[in-house]
Amino acid sequence: MVASLLTNQSETRALAELLRPDPLDDGTEPEERVIICGISWERYLALDKAVGDDRSAPRFYYLDGDLEIMTTSNEHERIKKWLGGLLEIYFDSIGIEIMPRGQATIRQALKAAGAEPDESWCIGVEKEFPDLVPEIALTSGGVNKLEIYRRFNVPEVWFWRQNRLEIFALAPDGNYRPAERSPLLQDLDVSLIARCAAIRSWRQAREVFRAGLVKSQ
């Protein structure tokens, strides 16, 4: 049924417009998400291969048979690039060794989970799965990404929601807990990086962030 709707050329444009999320309060375009239930692991892998492993979009998240297909917006990509760039300035300024993982797919059949994060890094040395994953969430909904990352024991997940950063740290009991500061990056002023990510000028955001780092040292 869904496939026939999407391949009916005479109605595709009108349907796509009706399914487009409303703009955010500030007028920017949000992400677009579709969730399809009852997708087997094998079908998920086949679909991923069919659309191409080296694609920039759409992005796939998979959890227990639910497949989220997401396309990003210009604002989503801007915030992703700003946050990633600011974090790498921070890593360099305090001499932290990292291994960037970017959007490299994280998945495992036994865990029935898979993700293509916005950005990701291993801290210190390269590992099978990243230590830090930021996710941009301009719209609500979608599969439970914290549960996906919990299954891979990712120590820290950040969400950018409503112009602020939310930090979730993996507790000893194996569940995520909200945190005011990053346990991995204890000297990082989270409010500073959030303020700078909201600055729309790339150059100005980096200048303000560097100045803030100097004051905090």
Protein backbone atom coordinates (compact mmCIF):
# COMPACT_ATOMS: atom_id res chain seq x y z
CA MET A 1 0.00 0.00 0.00
CA VAL A 2 2.68 2.52 1.02
CA ALA A 3 4.87 1.58 -1.93
CA SER A 4 1.99 2.04 -4.37
CA LEU A 5 1.23 5.47 -2.94
CA LEU A 6 4.82 6.55 -3.25
CA THR A 7 5.19 5.27 -6.82
CA ASN A 8 1.93 6.70 -8.17
CA GLN A 9 3.46 9.52 -10.20
CA SER A 10 0.22 11.43 -10.69
CA GLU A 11 -0.24 11.88 -6.93
CA THR A 12 3.33 11.84 -5.62
CA ARG A 13 3.87 15.60 -5.54
CA ALA A 14 0.55 16.39 -3.87
CA LEU A 15 1.06 13.59 -1.33
CA ALA A 16 4.63 14.71 -0.58
CA GLU A 17 3.40 18.25 0.11
CA LEU A 18 0.67 17.03 2.46
CA LEU A 19 3.17 14.88 4.37
CA ARG A 20 5.72 17.67 4.76
CA PRO A 21 6.05 18.78 8.43
CA ASP A 22 5.00 22.31 9.25
CA PRO A 23 7.83 24.84 9.62
CA LEU A 24 9.18 25.46 13.11
CA ASP A 25 8.19 28.56 15.06
CA ASP A 26 11.13 30.50 13.64
CA GLY A 27 10.22 29.51 10.08
CA THR A 28 13.02 26.95 9.54
CA GLU A 29 12.30 23.60 7.96
CA PRO A 30 12.45 20.55 10.27
CA GLU A 31 13.48 17.00 9.48
CA GLU A 32 11.08 14.62 7.79
CA ARG A 33 10.53 11.21 9.41
CA VAL A 34 8.62 8.12 8.37
CA ILE A 35 8.38 5.00 10.56
CA ILE A 36 7.56 1.64 9.03
CA CYS A 37 6.77 -1.21 11.40
CA GLY A 38 7.29 -4.94 10.96
CA ILE A 39 10.54 -4.75 8.97
CA SER A 40 12.79 -7.77 9.42
CA TRP A 41 16.52 -7.39 9.98
CA GLU A 42 17.21 -8.93 6.57
CA ARG A 43 14.83 -6.51 4.84
CA TYR A 44 16.42 -3.58 6.66
CA LEU A 45 19.88 -4.63 5.42
CA ALA A 46 18.56 -5.15 1.89
CA LEU A 47 16.96 -1.71 1.86
CA ASP A 48 20.15 -0.12 3.16
CA LYS A 49 22.12 -1.78 0.37
CA ALA A 50 19.56 -0.84 -2.27
CA VAL A 51 19.76 2.89 -1.54
CA GLY A 52 23.57 2.82 -1.30
CA ASP A 53 25.99 2.56 1.61
CA ASP A 54 27.70 5.87 0.78
CA ARG A 55 24.54 7.98 0.62
CA SER A 56 24.12 11.20 2.57
CA ALA A 57 20.34 10.71 2.76
CA PRO A 58 17.98 9.26 3.74
CA ARG A 59 19.18 8.16 7.16
CA PHE A 60 18.01 4.91 8.74
CA TYR A 61 17.40 4.02 12.39
CA TYR A 62 16.26 0.49 13.24
CA LEU A 63 14.93 -0.93 16.51
CA ASP A 64 13.11 -4.23 17.04
CA GLY A 65 11.42 -4.25 13.64
CA ASP A 66 10.64 -0.53 13.47
CA LEU A 67 12.49 1.35 10.73
CA GLU A 68 12.73 5.14 10.84
CA ILE A 69 13.59 6.78 7.53
CA MET A 70 14.70 10.37 8.01
CA THR A 71 15.68 13.16 5.66
CA THR A 72 17.39 16.19 7.16
CA SER A 73 16.83 19.90 6.56
CA ASN A 74 19.24 22.79 6.01
CA GLU A 75 18.85 23.82 9.66
CA HIS A 76 19.49 20.26 10.85
CA GLU A 77 22.70 20.11 8.83
CA ARG A 78 23.81 23.58 9.99
CA ILE A 79 23.50 22.71 13.66
CA LYS A 80 25.20 19.37 13.10
CA LYS A 81 28.18 21.05 11.42
CA TRP A 82 28.37 23.84 14.00
CA LEU A 83 28.31 21.42 16.96
CA GLY A 84 30.83 19.10 15.36
CA GLY A 85 33.19 21.96 14.54
CA LEU A 86 32.93 23.50 18.00
CA LEU A 87 33.59 20.19 19.68
CA GLU A 88 36.67 19.61 17.55
CA ILE A 89 37.96 23.08 18.54
CA TYR A 90 37.49 22.00 22.16
CA PHE A 91 39.20 18.63 21.64
CA ASP A 92 42.18 20.38 20.07
CA SER A 93 42.38 23.14 22.69
CA ILE A 94 42.75 20.77 25.63
CA GLY A 95 44.72 18.10 23.80
CA ILE A 96 42.19 15.26 23.73
CA GLU A 97 42.97 12.48 21.26
CA ILE A 98 39.89 11.46 19.29
CA MET A 99 38.89 9.20 16.45
CA PRO A 100 36.05 10.76 14.42
CA ARG A 101 33.39 8.25 13.40
CA GLY A 102 31.02 10.74 11.73
CA GLN A 103 27.85 9.11 10.42
CA ALA A 104 29.36 5.62 10.27
CA THR A 105 26.59 3.06 10.67
CA ILE A 106 26.30 1.36 14.05
CA ARG A 107 24.38 -1.92 13.94
CA GLN A 108 24.33 -5.52 15.11
CA ALA A 109 21.86 -8.28 14.41
CA LEU A 110 21.92 -9.74 17.93
CA LYS A 111 20.93 -6.35 19.32
CA ALA A 112 18.22 -5.85 16.65
CA ALA A 113 19.32 -2.24 16.38
CA GLY A 114 21.03 0.08 13.96
CA ALA A 115 21.71 3.80 13.64
CA GLU A 116 23.35 6.39 11.43
CA PRO A 117 24.21 9.15 13.93
CA ASP A 118 24.60 12.81 13.07
CA GLU A 119 28.18 12.77 14.35
CA SER A 120 30.18 10.50 16.63
CA TRP A 121 33.61 10.22 18.18
CA CYS A 122 35.74 7.72 20.04
CA ILE A 123 37.62 9.44 22.88
CA GLY A 124 41.24 8.45 23.40
CA VAL A 125 41.54 5.37 21.22
CA GLU A 126 39.46 3.87 18.44
CA LYS A 127 36.76 1.46 19.61
CA GLU A 128 34.11 -0.69 17.99
CA PHE A 129 31.40 1.79 18.95
CA PRO A 130 31.72 5.53 19.66
CA ASP A 131 31.91 7.16 23.09
CA LEU A 132 29.99 10.31 22.20
CA VAL A 133 27.03 10.71 19.84
CA PRO A 134 25.19 14.00 19.30
CA GLU A 135 21.77 13.87 17.62
CA ILE A 136 19.87 16.84 16.19
CA ALA A 137 16.13 16.60 16.87
CA LEU A 138 14.26 19.59 15.46
CA THR A 139 11.06 17.53 15.47
CA SER A 140 9.74 15.02 17.98
CA GLY A 141 8.91 11.40 17.33
CA GLY A 142 10.81 8.58 15.71
CA VAL A 143 12.21 5.38 17.17
CA ASN A 144 13.76 5.46 20.64
CA LYS A 145 17.33 6.45 19.84
CA LEU A 146 18.47 6.27 23.45
CA GLU A 147 17.45 2.61 23.47
CA ILE A 148 19.40 2.00 20.28
CA TYR A 149 22.57 3.55 21.72
CA ARG A 150 22.01 1.82 25.08
CA ARG A 151 22.29 -1.53 23.34
CA PHE A 152 25.73 -0.54 22.08
CA ASN A 153 26.83 0.85 25.47
CA VAL A 154 27.54 4.30 24.04
CA PRO A 155 28.63 6.23 27.16
CA GLU A 156 27.13 9.59 26.20
CA VAL A 157 24.37 10.80 23.90
CA TRP A 158 23.54 14.47 23.33
CA PHE A 159 20.28 15.75 21.88
CA TRP A 160 19.83 19.22 20.41
CA ARG A 161 16.17 20.06 21.07
CA GLN A 162 14.44 23.42 21.23
CA ASN A 163 17.72 25.32 20.94
CA ARG A 164 19.38 23.59 23.87
CA LEU A 165 21.59 20.60 24.52
CA GLU A 166 20.34 17.68 26.58
CA ILE A 167 23.02 15.31 27.84
CA PHE A 168 22.35 11.68 28.70
CA ALA A 169 25.07 9.63 30.36
CA LEU A 170 25.09 5.85 30.70
CA ALA A 171 24.76 4.92 34.37
CA PRO A 172 26.27 1.80 36.03
CA ASP A 173 22.87 0.09 35.82
CA GLY A 174 23.04 0.29 32.02
CA ASN A 175 20.41 3.01 31.62
CA TYR A 176 20.78 6.64 30.59
CA ARG A 177 20.38 9.45 33.09
CA PRO A 178 20.11 13.18 32.32
CA ALA A 179 23.26 15.11 33.21
CA GLU A 180 23.95 18.82 33.68
CA ARG A 181 27.53 18.43 32.44
CA SER A 182 29.31 15.96 30.23
CA PRO A 183 31.00 13.20 32.27
CA LEU A 184 33.35 12.60 29.33
CA LEU A 185 34.20 16.28 28.83
CA GLN A 186 33.98 17.59 32.38
CA ASP A 187 35.64 20.95 31.66
CA LEU A 188 33.32 21.79 28.75
CA ASP A 189 30.83 24.61 29.36
CA VAL A 190 27.72 23.07 27.81
CA SER A 191 25.83 26.36 27.91
CA LEU A 192 28.64 28.00 25.92
CA ILE A 193 28.58 25.43 23.15
CA ALA A 194 24.78 25.63 23.01
CA ARG A 195 24.87 29.43 22.71
CA CYS A 196 27.44 29.25 19.95
CA ALA A 197 25.58 26.55 18.02
CA ALA A 198 22.59 28.89 17.89
CA ILE A 199 24.66 31.66 16.25
CA ARG A 200 23.92 31.52 12.54
CA SER A 201 27.27 32.95 11.45
CA TRP A 202 29.84 30.13 11.17
CA ARG A 203 32.76 32.48 11.75
CA GLN A 204 31.16 34.33 14.64
CA ALA A 205 30.10 31.10 16.35
CA ARG A 206 33.67 29.84 16.33
CA GLU A 207 35.13 33.17 17.47
CA VAL A 208 32.72 33.41 20.40
CA PHE A 209 33.41 29.80 21.35
CA ARG A 210 37.19 30.25 21.28
CA ALA A 211 36.90 33.40 23.39
CA GLY A 212 34.73 31.53 25.88
CA LEU A 213 37.26 28.72 26.12
CA VAL A 214 40.05 31.19 26.89
CA LYS A 215 38.02 32.78 29.70
CA SER A 216 37.28 29.39 31.27
CA GLN A 217 40.90 28.25 31.31
